[in-house]
Amino acid sequence: MIVLGIDPGARFTGVALVDGTPSPLGCRDAKLLAHAVIEAGGDESEYFAAVGLGLVEIMLDQGVTNLGLVALEDVVAPSPHVRRKDGNSIIRPGTLIETAKVYGYVARWAAWADVELVPIAPAGNGSQHLGTYPDELVAPGERRLKDWRFRLAGKSNPINHARSAWDVALAALIRL
């Protein structure tokens, strides 16, 4: 089954096109067909257009005409208990609202494309050990350390959004 995994974000949206067999025991045969990280630029409508075009392009480039489902990382309320070192809350409503807008746009796109949408909880997506990801989802700088496969993925590299989309797609294949 071909799954389009998506990690919506206010600044970056990660996309991973994955082919795998649904299994509650894990999807060991999953193959990354393509991935992209779409960066926000310009105004909101330009970003939405870039996301929509990116979703279509990634499928057309791979010759995918029958998408199995869209797995979309859900947007949830932040924990008010998470604090910065100075004691202030790290909740930034603007970022959460912008991410929710991208989520809504992708959900609307999936409905228009008549593809089943599977929301996936944000639970550490994109932050597993680097060795668990396809090589294309590990940046050259991350590979420079000799034990890179055993290191946890960082949060600062934009490719992390594509890794998150990979994890979201696999989670959807496990849930089916």
C-alpha atoms as a PDB file:
ATOM      1  CA  MET A   1       0.000   0.000   0.000  1.00  0.00           C
ATOM      2  CA  ILE A   2       1.276   3.446  -0.859  1.00  0.00           C
ATOM      3  CA  VAL A   3       1.004   5.953   1.968  1.00  0.00           C
ATOM      4  CA  LEU A   4       1.687   9.674   1.889  1.00  0.00           C
ATOM      5  CA  GLY A   5       2.998  10.590   5.351  1.00  0.00           C
ATOM      6  CA  ILE A   6       2.824  14.262   6.239  1.00  0.00           C
ATOM      7  CA  ASP A   7       4.251  16.280   9.124  1.00  0.00           C
ATOM      8  CA  PRO A   8       2.503  19.670   8.915  1.00  0.00           C
ATOM      9  CA  GLY A   9       4.316  22.653  10.323  1.00  0.00           C
ATOM     10  CA  ALA A  10       4.210  26.416  10.543  1.00  0.00           C
ATOM     11  CA  ARG A  11       7.663  26.802   8.910  1.00  0.00           C
ATOM     12  CA  PHE A  12       8.298  23.402   7.310  1.00  0.00           C
ATOM     13  CA  THR A  13       6.058  20.568   6.132  1.00  0.00           C
ATOM     14  CA  GLY A  14       7.667  17.156   5.777  1.00  0.00           C
ATOM     15  CA  VAL A  15       6.393  14.646   3.232  1.00  0.00           C
ATOM     16  CA  ALA A  16       7.309  10.981   2.785  1.00  0.00           C
ATOM     17  CA  LEU A  17       5.870   8.705   0.116  1.00  0.00           C
ATOM     18  CA  VAL A  18       6.104   5.160   1.482  1.00  0.00           C
ATOM     19  CA  ASP A  19       5.249   1.756   0.036  1.00  0.00           C
ATOM     20  CA  GLY A  20       4.629  -0.959   2.602  1.00  0.00           C
ATOM     21  CA  THR A  21       2.401  -3.788   3.759  1.00  0.00           C
ATOM     22  CA  PRO A  22       0.008  -2.974   6.609  1.00  0.00           C
ATOM     23  CA  SER A  23       0.759  -5.052   9.706  1.00  0.00           C
ATOM     24  CA  PRO A  24      -0.021  -4.644  13.408  1.00  0.00           C
ATOM     25  CA  LEU A  25       3.423  -6.139  14.127  1.00  0.00           C
ATOM     26  CA  GLY A  26       5.309  -3.397  12.302  1.00  0.00           C
ATOM     27  CA  CYS A  27       6.013  -2.639   8.700  1.00  0.00           C
ATOM     28  CA  ARG A  28       9.400  -4.227   7.988  1.00  0.00           C
ATOM     29  CA  ASP A  29       9.117  -4.092   4.203  1.00  0.00           C
ATOM     30  CA  ALA A  30       8.470  -0.337   4.045  1.00  0.00           C
ATOM     31  CA  LYS A  31      10.325   1.455   1.297  1.00  0.00           C
ATOM     32  CA  LEU A  32      10.804   5.193   0.977  1.00  0.00           C
ATOM     33  CA  LEU A  33       9.788   6.134  -2.558  1.00  0.00           C
ATOM     34  CA  ALA A  34      10.383   9.875  -2.206  1.00  0.00           C
ATOM     35  CA  HIS A  35      10.490  12.639   0.366  1.00  0.00           C
ATOM     36  CA  ALA A  36      10.389  16.418   0.525  1.00  0.00           C
ATOM     37  CA  VAL A  37      10.599  19.245   3.008  1.00  0.00           C
ATOM     38  CA  ILE A  38       8.482  22.208   1.947  1.00  0.00           C
ATOM     39  CA  GLU A  39       9.522  25.525   3.467  1.00  0.00           C
ATOM     40  CA  ALA A  40       7.131  28.365   4.169  1.00  0.00           C
ATOM     41  CA  GLY A  41       7.864  31.391   2.065  1.00  0.00           C
ATOM     42  CA  GLY A  42       5.831  34.447   1.313  1.00  0.00           C
ATOM     43  CA  ASP A  43       2.308  34.637   2.594  1.00  0.00           C
ATOM     44  CA  GLU A  44      -0.030  31.915   3.803  1.00  0.00           C
ATOM     45  CA  SER A  45      -1.679  31.272   0.438  1.00  0.00           C
ATOM     46  CA  GLU A  46       1.737  30.816  -1.214  1.00  0.00           C
ATOM     47  CA  TYR A  47       2.716  28.278   1.474  1.00  0.00           C
ATOM     48  CA  PHE A  48      -0.545  26.348   1.027  1.00  0.00           C
ATOM     49  CA  ALA A  49      -0.023  26.346  -2.736  1.00  0.00           C
ATOM     50  CA  ALA A  50       3.552  25.074  -2.261  1.00  0.00           C
ATOM     51  CA  VAL A  51       2.316  22.285   0.054  1.00  0.00           C
ATOM     52  CA  GLY A  52      -0.445  21.253  -2.363  1.00  0.00           C
ATOM     53  CA  LEU A  53       1.892  21.338  -5.338  1.00  0.00           C
ATOM     54  CA  GLY A  54       4.529  19.427  -3.371  1.00  0.00           C
ATOM     55  CA  LEU A  55       2.056  16.645  -2.540  1.00  0.00           C
ATOM     56  CA  VAL A  56       1.013  16.280  -6.172  1.00  0.00           C
ATOM     57  CA  GLU A  57       4.568  16.524  -7.526  1.00  0.00           C
ATOM     58  CA  ILE A  58       5.944  13.850  -5.224  1.00  0.00           C
ATOM     59  CA  MET A  59       3.249  11.420  -6.404  1.00  0.00           C
ATOM     60  CA  LEU A  60       3.574  12.306 -10.104  1.00  0.00           C
ATOM     61  CA  ASP A  61       7.370  12.023  -9.978  1.00  0.00           C
ATOM     62  CA  GLN A  62       6.950   8.453  -8.710  1.00  0.00           C
ATOM     63  CA  GLY A  63       4.117   7.595 -11.104  1.00  0.00           C
ATOM     64  CA  VAL A  64       1.640   7.118  -8.234  1.00  0.00           C
ATOM     65  CA  THR A  65      -1.946   7.377  -9.441  1.00  0.00           C
ATOM     66  CA  ASN A  66      -3.667   5.290  -6.755  1.00  0.00           C
ATOM     67  CA  LEU A  67      -2.710   6.539  -3.320  1.00  0.00           C
ATOM     68  CA  GLY A  68      -3.736   4.155  -0.522  1.00  0.00           C
ATOM     69  CA  LEU A  69      -4.074   6.736   2.232  1.00  0.00           C
ATOM     70  CA  VAL A  70      -2.788   9.978   3.678  1.00  0.00           C
ATOM     71  CA  ALA A  71      -1.257   9.727   7.139  1.00  0.00           C
ATOM     72  CA  LEU A  72      -1.223  13.145   8.780  1.00  0.00           C
ATOM     73  CA  GLU A  73       0.420  14.009  12.076  1.00  0.00           C
ATOM     74  CA  ASP A  74      -2.314  15.391  14.283  1.00  0.00           C
ATOM     75  CA  VAL A  75      -2.258  18.751  16.034  1.00  0.00           C
ATOM     76  CA  VAL A  76      -2.899  18.606  19.762  1.00  0.00           C
ATOM     77  CA  ALA A  77      -3.049  21.146  22.555  1.00  0.00           C
ATOM     78  CA  PRO A  78       0.368  21.777  24.109  1.00  0.00           C
ATOM     79  CA  SER A  79       1.049  20.838  27.693  1.00  0.00           C
ATOM     80  CA  PRO A  80       0.841  23.903  29.940  1.00  0.00           C
ATOM     81  CA  HIS A  81       3.310  22.186  32.291  1.00  0.00           C
ATOM     82  CA  VAL A  82       6.238  22.421  29.881  1.00  0.00           C
ATOM     83  CA  ARG A  83       8.435  25.343  30.891  1.00  0.00           C
ATOM     84  CA  ARG A  84      11.642  26.961  29.700  1.00  0.00           C
ATOM     85  CA  LYS A  85      14.640  27.186  32.016  1.00  0.00           C
ATOM     86  CA  ASP A  86      13.561  30.702  33.038  1.00  0.00           C
ATOM     87  CA  GLY A  87      10.193  29.345  34.216  1.00  0.00           C
ATOM     88  CA  ASN A  88       8.060  30.855  31.467  1.00  0.00           C
ATOM     89  CA  SER A  89       5.744  28.720  29.398  1.00  0.00           C
ATOM     90  CA  ILE A  90       7.054  27.676  25.975  1.00  0.00           C
ATOM     91  CA  ILE A  91       3.599  27.647  24.435  1.00  0.00           C
ATOM     92  CA  ARG A  92       3.502  29.834  21.340  1.00  0.00           C
ATOM     93  CA  PRO A  93      -0.094  29.958  20.120  1.00  0.00           C
ATOM     94  CA  GLY A  94       0.851  31.516  16.781  1.00  0.00           C
ATOM     95  CA  THR A  95       2.962  28.523  15.770  1.00  0.00           C
ATOM     96  CA  LEU A  96       0.257  26.084  16.861  1.00  0.00           C
ATOM     97  CA  ILE A  97      -2.393  28.002  14.910  1.00  0.00           C
ATOM     98  CA  GLU A  98      -0.238  28.098  11.759  1.00  0.00           C
ATOM     99  CA  THR A  99       0.414  24.339  12.044  1.00  0.00           C
ATOM    100  CA  ALA A 100      -3.325  23.709  12.483  1.00  0.00           C
ATOM    101  CA  LYS A 101      -3.999  25.707   9.303  1.00  0.00           C
ATOM    102  CA  VAL A 102      -1.600  23.504   7.335  1.00  0.00           C
ATOM    103  CA  TYR A 103      -3.254  20.420   8.876  1.00  0.00           C
ATOM    104  CA  GLY A 104      -6.667  21.688   7.752  1.00  0.00           C
ATOM    105  CA  TYR A 105      -5.390  22.434   4.266  1.00  0.00           C
ATOM    106  CA  VAL A 106      -3.922  18.920   3.881  1.00  0.00           C
ATOM    107  CA  ALA A 107      -7.092  17.323   5.293  1.00  0.00           C
ATOM    108  CA  ARG A 108      -9.144  19.268   2.755  1.00  0.00           C
ATOM    109  CA  TRP A 109      -6.727  18.209  -0.006  1.00  0.00           C
ATOM    110  CA  ALA A 110      -7.111  14.527   0.993  1.00  0.00           C
ATOM    111  CA  ALA A 111     -10.917  14.861   0.920  1.00  0.00           C
ATOM    112  CA  TRP A 112     -10.741  16.505  -2.523  1.00  0.00           C
ATOM    113  CA  ALA A 113      -8.462  13.697  -3.763  1.00  0.00           C
ATOM    114  CA  ASP A 114     -10.911  11.146  -2.268  1.00  0.00           C
ATOM    115  CA  VAL A 115      -8.166   9.476  -0.212  1.00  0.00           C
ATOM    116  CA  GLU A 116      -8.651   8.115   3.302  1.00  0.00           C
ATOM    117  CA  LEU A 117      -7.054  10.323   5.957  1.00  0.00           C
ATOM    118  CA  VAL A 118      -5.519   8.707   9.055  1.00  0.00           C
ATOM    119  CA  PRO A 119      -4.572  11.156  11.819  1.00  0.00           C
ATOM    120  CA  ILE A 120      -1.511  10.043  13.802  1.00  0.00           C
ATOM    121  CA  ALA A 121      -0.729  11.348  17.278  1.00  0.00           C
ATOM    122  CA  PRO A 122       2.461  13.387  17.633  1.00  0.00           C
ATOM    123  CA  ALA A 123       4.461  10.963  19.768  1.00  0.00           C
ATOM    124  CA  GLY A 124       8.160  11.378  19.082  1.00  0.00           C
ATOM    125  CA  ASN A 125       7.795  11.208  15.308  1.00  0.00           C
ATOM    126  CA  GLY A 126      11.095  12.025  13.634  1.00  0.00           C
ATOM    127  CA  SER A 127      13.198  11.518  16.756  1.00  0.00           C
ATOM    128  CA  GLN A 128      14.177   7.843  16.663  1.00  0.00           C
ATOM    129  CA  HIS A 129      17.737   6.526  16.274  1.00  0.00           C
ATOM    130  CA  LEU A 130      19.189   7.673  12.962  1.00  0.00           C
ATOM    131  CA  GLY A 131      19.917   4.063  11.976  1.00  0.00           C
ATOM    132  CA  THR A 132      16.191   3.306  11.869  1.00  0.00           C
ATOM    133  CA  TYR A 133      15.638   5.751   8.995  1.00  0.00           C
ATOM    134  CA  PRO A 134      16.358   5.220   5.305  1.00  0.00           C
ATOM    135  CA  ASP A 135      19.741   6.679   4.345  1.00  0.00           C
ATOM    136  CA  GLU A 136      18.044   9.418   2.309  1.00  0.00           C
ATOM    137  CA  LEU A 137      16.551  10.779   5.543  1.00  0.00           C
ATOM    138  CA  VAL A 138      19.908  11.192   7.294  1.00  0.00           C
ATOM    139  CA  ALA A 139      21.815  14.372   6.497  1.00  0.00           C
ATOM    140  CA  PRO A 140      25.495  14.135   5.479  1.00  0.00           C
ATOM    141  CA  GLY A 141      26.500  16.102   8.576  1.00  0.00           C
ATOM    142  CA  GLU A 142      24.714  13.580  10.794  1.00  0.00           C
ATOM    143  CA  ARG A 143      26.642  10.721   9.148  1.00  0.00           C
ATOM    144  CA  ARG A 144      30.054  12.216   9.918  1.00  0.00           C
ATOM    145  CA  LEU A 145      30.174  10.731  13.406  1.00  0.00           C
ATOM    146  CA  LYS A 146      31.246   7.104  13.413  1.00  0.00           C
ATOM    147  CA  ASP A 147      28.397   5.985  15.689  1.00  0.00           C
ATOM    148  CA  TRP A 148      25.721   8.016  13.891  1.00  0.00           C
ATOM    149  CA  ARG A 149      23.326   5.057  13.520  1.00  0.00           C
ATOM    150  CA  PHE A 150      22.948   4.860  17.312  1.00  0.00           C
ATOM    151  CA  ARG A 151      22.351   8.574  17.896  1.00  0.00           C
ATOM    152  CA  LEU A 152      18.875   9.995  18.292  1.00  0.00           C
ATOM    153  CA  ALA A 153      17.724  12.253  15.496  1.00  0.00           C
ATOM    154  CA  GLY A 154      18.067  15.922  16.280  1.00  0.00           C
ATOM    155  CA  LYS A 155      15.351  18.533  16.017  1.00  0.00           C
ATOM    156  CA  SER A 156      17.239  21.368  14.322  1.00  0.00           C
ATOM    157  CA  ASN A 157      17.731  19.963  10.814  1.00  0.00           C
ATOM    158  CA  PRO A 158      14.816  20.542   8.392  1.00  0.00           C
ATOM    159  CA  ILE A 159      15.175  16.907   7.190  1.00  0.00           C
ATOM    160  CA  ASN A 160      13.717  15.991  10.582  1.00  0.00           C
ATOM    161  CA  HIS A 161      10.300  16.928   9.179  1.00  0.00           C
ATOM    162  CA  ALA A 162      10.696  14.293   6.447  1.00  0.00           C
ATOM    163  CA  ARG A 163      11.779  11.766   9.109  1.00  0.00           C
ATOM    164  CA  SER A 164       8.650  12.633  11.056  1.00  0.00           C
ATOM    165  CA  ALA A 165       6.547  12.089   7.917  1.00  0.00           C
ATOM    166  CA  TRP A 166       8.233   8.652   7.514  1.00  0.00           C
ATOM    167  CA  ASP A 167       7.317   7.728  11.105  1.00  0.00           C
ATOM    168  CA  VAL A 168       3.757   8.977  10.572  1.00  0.00           C
ATOM    169  CA  ALA A 169       3.388   6.810   7.430  1.00  0.00           C
ATOM    170  CA  LEU A 170       4.707   3.730   9.265  1.00  0.00           C
ATOM    171  CA  ALA A 171       2.373   4.356  12.207  1.00  0.00           C
ATOM    172  CA  ALA A 172      -0.567   4.443   9.789  1.00  0.00           C
ATOM    173  CA  LEU A 173       0.501   1.127   8.242  1.00  0.00           C
ATOM    174  CA  ILE A 174       0.660  -0.438  11.723  1.00  0.00           C
ATOM    175  CA  ARG A 175      -2.816   0.888  12.660  1.00  0.00           C
ATOM    176  CA  LEU A 176      -4.586  -0.526   9.595  1.00  0.00           C
END
